[in-house]
PDB file of N, CA and C in Angstrom:
ATOM      1  N   UNK A   1       0.819  -1.198   0.000  1.00  0.00           N
ATOM      2  CA  UNK A   1       0.000   0.000   0.000  1.00  0.00           C
ATOM      3  C   UNK A   1       0.860   1.258   0.000  1.00  0.00           C
ATOM      4  N   UNK A   2       2.030   1.214   0.601  1.00  0.00           N
ATOM      5  CA  UNK A   2       2.911   2.379   0.583  1.00  0.00           C
ATOM      6  C   UNK A   2       3.346   2.694  -0.842  1.00  0.00           C
ATOM      7  N   UNK A   3       3.656   1.665  -1.612  1.00  0.00           N
ATOM      8  CA  UNK A   3       4.052   1.864  -3.004  1.00  0.00           C
ATOM      9  C   UNK A   3       2.908   2.474  -3.806  1.00  0.00           C
ATOM     10  N   UNK A   4       1.688   2.017  -3.568  1.00  0.00           N
ATOM     11  CA  UNK A   4       0.529   2.601  -4.250  1.00  0.00           C
ATOM     12  C   UNK A   4       0.413   4.085  -3.950  1.00  0.00           C
ATOM     13  N   UNK A   5       0.601   4.459  -2.701  1.00  0.00           N
ATOM     14  CA  UNK A   5       0.530   5.871  -2.325  1.00  0.00           C
ATOM     15  C   UNK A   5       1.583   6.692  -3.059  1.00  0.00           C
ATOM     16  N   UNK A   6       2.771   6.133  -3.226  1.00  0.00           N
ATOM     17  CA  UNK A   6       3.829   6.830  -3.952  1.00  0.00           C
ATOM     18  C   UNK A   6       3.485   6.976  -5.432  1.00  0.00           C
ATOM     19  N   UNK A   7       2.984   5.911  -6.030  1.00  0.00           N
ATOM     20  CA  UNK A   7       2.742   5.899  -7.473  1.00  0.00           C
ATOM     21  C   UNK A   7       1.499   6.669  -7.893  1.00  0.00           C
ATOM     22  N   UNK A   8       0.485   6.748  -7.039  1.00  0.00           N
ATOM     23  CA  UNK A   8      -0.774   7.348  -7.479  1.00  0.00           C
ATOM     24  C   UNK A   8      -0.669   8.849  -7.735  1.00  0.00           C
ATOM     25  N   UNK A   9       0.407   9.475  -7.299  1.00  0.00           N
ATOM     26  CA  UNK A   9       0.627  10.877  -7.635  1.00  0.00           C
ATOM     27  C   UNK A   9       0.996  11.077  -9.091  1.00  0.00           C
ATOM     28  N   UNK A  10       1.529  10.030  -9.725  1.00  0.00           N
ATOM     29  CA  UNK A  10       1.995  10.128 -11.104  1.00  0.00           C
ATOM     30  C   UNK A  10       1.225   9.258 -12.089  1.00  0.00           C
ATOM     31  N   UNK A  11       0.519   8.252 -11.585  1.00  0.00           N
ATOM     32  CA  UNK A  11      -0.131   7.283 -12.457  1.00  0.00           C
ATOM     33  C   UNK A  11      -1.580   7.058 -12.043  1.00  0.00           C
ATOM     34  N   UNK A  12      -2.380   6.629 -13.000  1.00  0.00           N
ATOM     35  CA  UNK A  12      -3.720   6.140 -12.696  1.00  0.00           C
ATOM     36  C   UNK A  12      -3.592   4.652 -12.412  1.00  0.00           C
ATOM     37  N   UNK A  13      -4.112   4.230 -11.283  1.00  0.00           N
ATOM     38  CA  UNK A  13      -4.011   2.833 -10.874  1.00  0.00           C
ATOM     39  C   UNK A  13      -5.415   2.299 -10.643  1.00  0.00           C
ATOM     40  N   UNK A  14      -5.729   1.188 -11.268  1.00  0.00           N
ATOM     41  CA  UNK A  14      -7.027   0.535 -11.062  1.00  0.00           C
ATOM     42  C   UNK A  14      -6.793  -0.765 -10.300  1.00  0.00           C
ATOM     43  N   UNK A  15      -7.499  -0.925  -9.194  1.00  0.00           N
ATOM     44  CA  UNK A  15      -7.379  -2.124  -8.369  1.00  0.00           C
ATOM     45  C   UNK A  15      -8.756  -2.758  -8.257  1.00  0.00           C
ATOM     46  N   UNK A  16      -8.816  -4.052  -8.483  1.00  0.00           N
ATOM     47  CA  UNK A  16     -10.059  -4.799  -8.283  1.00  0.00           C
ATOM     48  C   UNK A  16      -9.898  -5.563  -6.977  1.00  0.00           C
ATOM     49  N   UNK A  17     -10.784  -5.298  -6.025  1.00  0.00           N
ATOM     50  CA  UNK A  17     -10.674  -5.940  -4.716  1.00  0.00           C
ATOM     51  C   UNK A  17     -12.051  -6.164  -4.108  1.00  0.00           C
ATOM     52  N   UNK A  18     -12.121  -7.152  -3.249  1.00  0.00           N
ATOM     53  CA  UNK A  18     -13.327  -7.382  -2.450  1.00  0.00           C
ATOM     54  C   UNK A  18     -13.076  -6.941  -1.010  1.00  0.00           C
ATOM     55  N   UNK A  19     -11.905  -6.384  -0.768  1.00  0.00           N
ATOM     56  CA  UNK A  19     -11.514  -5.958   0.571  1.00  0.00           C
ATOM     57  C   UNK A  19     -11.878  -4.484   0.744  1.00  0.00           C
ATOM     58  N   UNK A  20     -12.980  -4.227   1.413  1.00  0.00           N
ATOM     59  CA  UNK A  20     -13.474  -2.858   1.569  1.00  0.00           C
ATOM     60  C   UNK A  20     -12.528  -1.991   2.398  1.00  0.00           C
ATOM     61  N   UNK A  21     -11.870  -2.585   3.383  1.00  0.00           N
ATOM     62  CA  UNK A  21     -10.935  -1.820   4.199  1.00  0.00           C
ATOM     63  C   UNK A  21      -9.754  -1.337   3.362  1.00  0.00           C
ATOM     64  N   UNK A  22      -9.251  -2.210   2.501  1.00  0.00           N
ATOM     65  CA  UNK A  22      -8.144  -1.830   1.638  1.00  0.00           C
ATOM     66  C   UNK A  22      -8.575  -0.743   0.663  1.00  0.00           C
ATOM     67  N   UNK A  23      -9.738  -0.886   0.084  1.00  0.00           N
ATOM     68  CA  UNK A  23     -10.237   0.127  -0.843  1.00  0.00           C
ATOM     69  C   UNK A  23     -10.386   1.472  -0.146  1.00  0.00           C
ATOM     70  N   UNK A  24     -10.902   1.470   1.066  1.00  0.00           N
ATOM     71  CA  UNK A  24     -11.078   2.720   1.814  1.00  0.00           C
ATOM     72  C   UNK A  24      -9.731   3.377   2.114  1.00  0.00           C
ATOM     73  N   UNK A  25      -8.714   2.573   2.394  1.00  0.00           N
ATOM     74  CA  UNK A  25      -7.393   3.122   2.713  1.00  0.00           C
ATOM     75  C   UNK A  25      -6.664   3.650   1.487  1.00  0.00           C
ATOM     76  N   UNK A  26      -6.794   2.967   0.347  1.00  0.00           N
ATOM     77  CA  UNK A  26      -5.944   3.241  -0.811  1.00  0.00           C
ATOM     78  C   UNK A  26      -6.564   4.138  -1.874  1.00  0.00           C
ATOM     79  N   UNK A  27      -7.865   4.142  -1.969  1.00  0.00           N
ATOM     80  CA  UNK A  27      -8.515   4.753  -3.134  1.00  0.00           C
ATOM     81  C   UNK A  27      -8.837   6.228  -2.937  1.00  0.00           C
ATOM     82  N   UNK A  28      -8.759   6.960  -4.035  1.00  0.00           N
ATOM     83  CA  UNK A  28      -9.286   8.322  -4.083  1.00  0.00           C
ATOM     84  C   UNK A  28     -10.734   8.278  -4.568  1.00  0.00           C
ATOM     85  N   UNK A  29     -10.977   7.409  -5.565  1.00  0.00           N
ATOM     86  CA  UNK A  29     -12.324   7.220  -6.110  1.00  0.00           C
ATOM     87  C   UNK A  29     -12.619   5.728  -6.142  1.00  0.00           C
ATOM     88  N   UNK A  30     -13.900   5.392  -5.997  1.00  0.00           N
ATOM     89  CA  UNK A  30     -14.321   3.995  -5.938  1.00  0.00           C
ATOM     90  C   UNK A  30     -15.496   3.787  -6.883  1.00  0.00           C
ATOM     91  N   UNK A  31     -15.469   2.669  -7.587  1.00  0.00           N
ATOM     92  CA  UNK A  31     -16.609   2.253  -8.410  1.00  0.00           C
ATOM     93  C   UNK A  31     -17.108   0.927  -7.847  1.00  0.00           C
ATOM     94  N   UNK A  32     -18.414   0.821  -7.687  1.00  0.00           N
ATOM     95  CA  UNK A  32     -19.017  -0.422  -7.202  1.00  0.00           C
ATOM     96  C   UNK A  32     -19.793  -1.055  -8.344  1.00  0.00           C
ATOM     97  N   UNK A  33     -19.404  -2.282  -8.678  1.00  0.00           N
ATOM     98  CA  UNK A  33     -20.077  -3.064  -9.708  1.00  0.00           C
ATOM     99  C   UNK A  33     -20.798  -4.219  -9.039  1.00  0.00           C
ATOM    100  N   UNK A  34     -21.979  -4.556  -9.556  1.00  0.00           N
ATOM    101  CA  UNK A  34     -22.705  -5.726  -9.064  1.00  0.00           C
ATOM    102  C   UNK A  34     -23.267  -6.477 -10.254  1.00  0.00           C
ATOM    103  N   UNK A  35     -22.887  -7.743 -10.378  1.00  0.00           N
ATOM    104  CA  UNK A  35     -23.349  -8.602 -11.471  1.00  0.00           C
ATOM    105  C   UNK A  35     -23.096  -7.951 -12.834  1.00  0.00           C
ATOM    106  N   UNK A  36     -21.922  -7.331 -12.984  1.00  0.00           N
ATOM    107  CA  UNK A  36     -21.540  -6.708 -14.243  1.00  0.00           C
ATOM    108  C   UNK A  36     -22.121  -5.333 -14.488  1.00  0.00           C
ATOM    109  N   UNK A  37     -22.898  -4.826 -13.568  1.00  0.00           N
ATOM    110  CA  UNK A  37     -23.529  -3.506 -13.716  1.00  0.00           C
ATOM    111  C   UNK A  37     -22.795  -2.490 -12.847  1.00  0.00           C
ATOM    112  N   UNK A  38     -22.462  -1.340 -13.436  1.00  0.00           N
ATOM    113  CA  UNK A  38     -21.882  -0.251 -12.659  1.00  0.00           C
ATOM    114  C   UNK A  38     -22.993   0.376 -11.835  1.00  0.00           C
ATOM    115  N   UNK A  39     -22.907   0.256 -10.523  1.00  0.00           N
ATOM    116  CA  UNK A  39     -23.956   0.732  -9.628  1.00  0.00           C
ATOM    117  C   UNK A  39     -23.687   2.159  -9.190  1.00  0.00           C
ATOM    118  N   UNK A  40     -22.431   2.465  -8.845  1.00  0.00           N
ATOM    119  CA  UNK A  40     -22.132   3.779  -8.269  1.00  0.00           C
ATOM    120  C   UNK A  40     -20.649   4.086  -8.398  1.00  0.00           C
ATOM    121  N   UNK A  41     -20.336   5.355  -8.638  1.00  0.00           N
ATOM    122  CA  UNK A  41     -18.958   5.851  -8.645  1.00  0.00           C
ATOM    123  C   UNK A  41     -18.935   7.124  -7.820  1.00  0.00           C
ATOM    124  N   UNK A  42     -17.947   7.236  -6.930  1.00  0.00           N
ATOM    125  CA  UNK A  42     -17.857   8.442  -6.109  1.00  0.00           C
ATOM    126  C   UNK A  42     -16.480   8.496  -5.461  1.00  0.00           C
ATOM    127  N   UNK A  43     -16.233   9.556  -4.719  1.00  0.00           N
ATOM    128  CA  UNK A  43     -14.991   9.629  -3.950  1.00  0.00           C
ATOM    129  C   UNK A  43     -15.021   8.524  -2.897  1.00  0.00           C
ATOM    130  N   UNK A  44     -13.860   8.065  -2.508  1.00  0.00           N
ATOM    131  CA  UNK A  44     -13.803   7.012  -1.491  1.00  0.00           C
ATOM    132  C   UNK A  44     -14.428   7.494  -0.191  1.00  0.00           C
ATOM    133  N   UNK A  45     -14.172   8.737   0.174  1.00  0.00           N
ATOM    134  CA  UNK A  45     -14.749   9.265   1.414  1.00  0.00           C
ATOM    135  C   UNK A  45     -16.266   9.180   1.397  1.00  0.00           C
ATOM    136  N   UNK A  46     -16.864   9.640   0.318  1.00  0.00           N
ATOM    137  CA  UNK A  46     -18.328   9.627   0.253  1.00  0.00           C
ATOM    138  C   UNK A  46     -18.865   8.200   0.137  1.00  0.00           C
ATOM    139  N   UNK A  47     -18.218   7.394  -0.676  1.00  0.00           N
ATOM    140  CA  UNK A  47     -18.704   6.032  -0.892  1.00  0.00           C
ATOM    141  C   UNK A  47     -18.771   5.248   0.416  1.00  0.00           C
ATOM    142  N   UNK A  48     -17.775   5.430   1.278  1.00  0.00           N
ATOM    143  CA  UNK A  48     -17.725   4.641   2.506  1.00  0.00           C
ATOM    144  C   UNK A  48     -18.432   5.295   3.688  1.00  0.00           C
ATOM    145  N   UNK A  49     -18.864   6.534   3.537  1.00  0.00           N
ATOM    146  CA  UNK A  49     -19.601   7.179   4.632  1.00  0.00           C
ATOM    147  C   UNK A  49     -21.060   7.439   4.299  1.00  0.00           C
ATOM    148  N   UNK A  50     -21.347   7.711   3.019  1.00  0.00           N
ATOM    149  CA  UNK A  50     -22.727   8.031   2.638  1.00  0.00           C
ATOM    150  C   UNK A  50     -23.010   7.606   1.204  1.00  0.00           C
ATOM    151  N   UNK A  51     -22.985   6.301   0.932  1.00  0.00           N
ATOM    152  CA  UNK A  51     -23.267   5.852  -0.436  1.00  0.00           C
ATOM    153  C   UNK A  51     -24.680   6.237  -0.849  1.00  0.00           C
ATOM    154  N   UNK A  52     -24.849   6.525  -2.126  1.00  0.00           N
ATOM    155  CA  UNK A  52     -26.158   6.956  -2.637  1.00  0.00           C
ATOM    156  C   UNK A  52     -27.094   5.790  -2.911  1.00  0.00           C
ATOM    157  N   UNK A  53     -26.516   4.664  -3.295  1.00  0.00           N
ATOM    158  CA  UNK A  53     -27.316   3.509  -3.696  1.00  0.00           C
ATOM    159  C   UNK A  53     -27.445   2.498  -2.555  1.00  0.00           C
ATOM    160  N   UNK A  54     -28.619   1.941  -2.409  1.00  0.00           N
ATOM    161  CA  UNK A  54     -28.873   0.951  -1.350  1.00  0.00           C
ATOM    162  C   UNK A  54     -28.002  -0.293  -1.515  1.00  0.00           C
ATOM    163  N   UNK A  55     -27.821  -0.742  -2.762  1.00  0.00           N
ATOM    164  CA  UNK A  55     -26.993  -1.934  -2.983  1.00  0.00           C
ATOM    165  C   UNK A  55     -25.553  -1.689  -2.542  1.00  0.00           C
ATOM    166  N   UNK A  56     -25.054  -0.496  -2.792  1.00  0.00           N
ATOM    167  CA  UNK A  56     -23.700  -0.159  -2.351  1.00  0.00           C
ATOM    168  C   UNK A  56     -23.619  -0.201  -0.836  1.00  0.00           C
ATOM    169  N   UNK A  57     -24.557   0.423  -0.183  1.00  0.00           N
ATOM    170  CA  UNK A  57     -24.579   0.451   1.278  1.00  0.00           C
ATOM    171  C   UNK A  57     -24.668  -0.965   1.848  1.00  0.00           C
ATOM    172  N   UNK A  58     -25.529  -1.777   1.275  1.00  0.00           N
ATOM    173  CA  UNK A  58     -25.683  -3.152   1.752  1.00  0.00           C
ATOM    174  C   UNK A  58     -24.386  -3.945   1.604  1.00  0.00           C
ATOM    175  N   UNK A  59     -23.673  -3.757   0.484  1.00  0.00           N
ATOM    176  CA  UNK A  59     -22.424  -4.487   0.273  1.00  0.00           C
ATOM    177  C   UNK A  59     -21.343  -4.012   1.242  1.00  0.00           C
ATOM    178  N   UNK A  60     -21.189  -2.712   1.363  1.00  0.00           N
ATOM    179  CA  UNK A  60     -20.151  -2.151   2.228  1.00  0.00           C
ATOM    180  C   UNK A  60     -20.360  -2.559   3.683  1.00  0.00           C
ATOM    181  N   UNK A  61     -21.598  -2.620   4.111  1.00  0.00           N
ATOM    182  CA  UNK A  61     -21.885  -2.961   5.511  1.00  0.00           C
ATOM    183  C   UNK A  61     -21.981  -4.465   5.746  1.00  0.00           C
ATOM    184  N   UNK A  62     -21.797  -5.268   4.700  1.00  0.00           N
ATOM    185  CA  UNK A  62     -21.783  -6.714   4.860  1.00  0.00           C
ATOM    186  C   UNK A  62     -23.151  -7.371   4.869  1.00  0.00           C
ATOM    187  N   UNK A  63     -24.177  -6.664   4.433  1.00  0.00           N
ATOM    188  CA  UNK A  63     -25.511  -7.270   4.385  1.00  0.00           C
ATOM    189  C   UNK A  63     -25.617  -8.318   3.283  1.00  0.00           C
ATOM    190  N   UNK A  64     -24.785  -8.183   2.253  1.00  0.00           N
ATOM    191  CA  UNK A  64     -24.667  -9.243   1.248  1.00  0.00           C
ATOM    192  C   UNK A  64     -23.278  -9.188   0.657  1.00  0.00           C
ATOM    193  N   UNK A  65     -22.911 -10.269  -0.050  1.00  0.00           N
ATOM    194  CA  UNK A  65     -21.626 -10.316  -0.719  1.00  0.00           C
ATOM    195  C   UNK A  65     -20.640 -11.068   0.074  1.00  0.00           C
TER     196      UNK A  65
END
């Protein structure tokens, strides 16, 4: 994760993860996909504190997935 922090100032980095804690720590922006559908895109801060979509909230809080 330290290397990611160093590189993201110069490069666009896309990470696919199911680890919400890692995504919250590393990401500036987050996209949530469900069953191949793009559900929501937002800043990491907003996504993990006040997601707009119910499916996003349910996934982040562990209600499904």
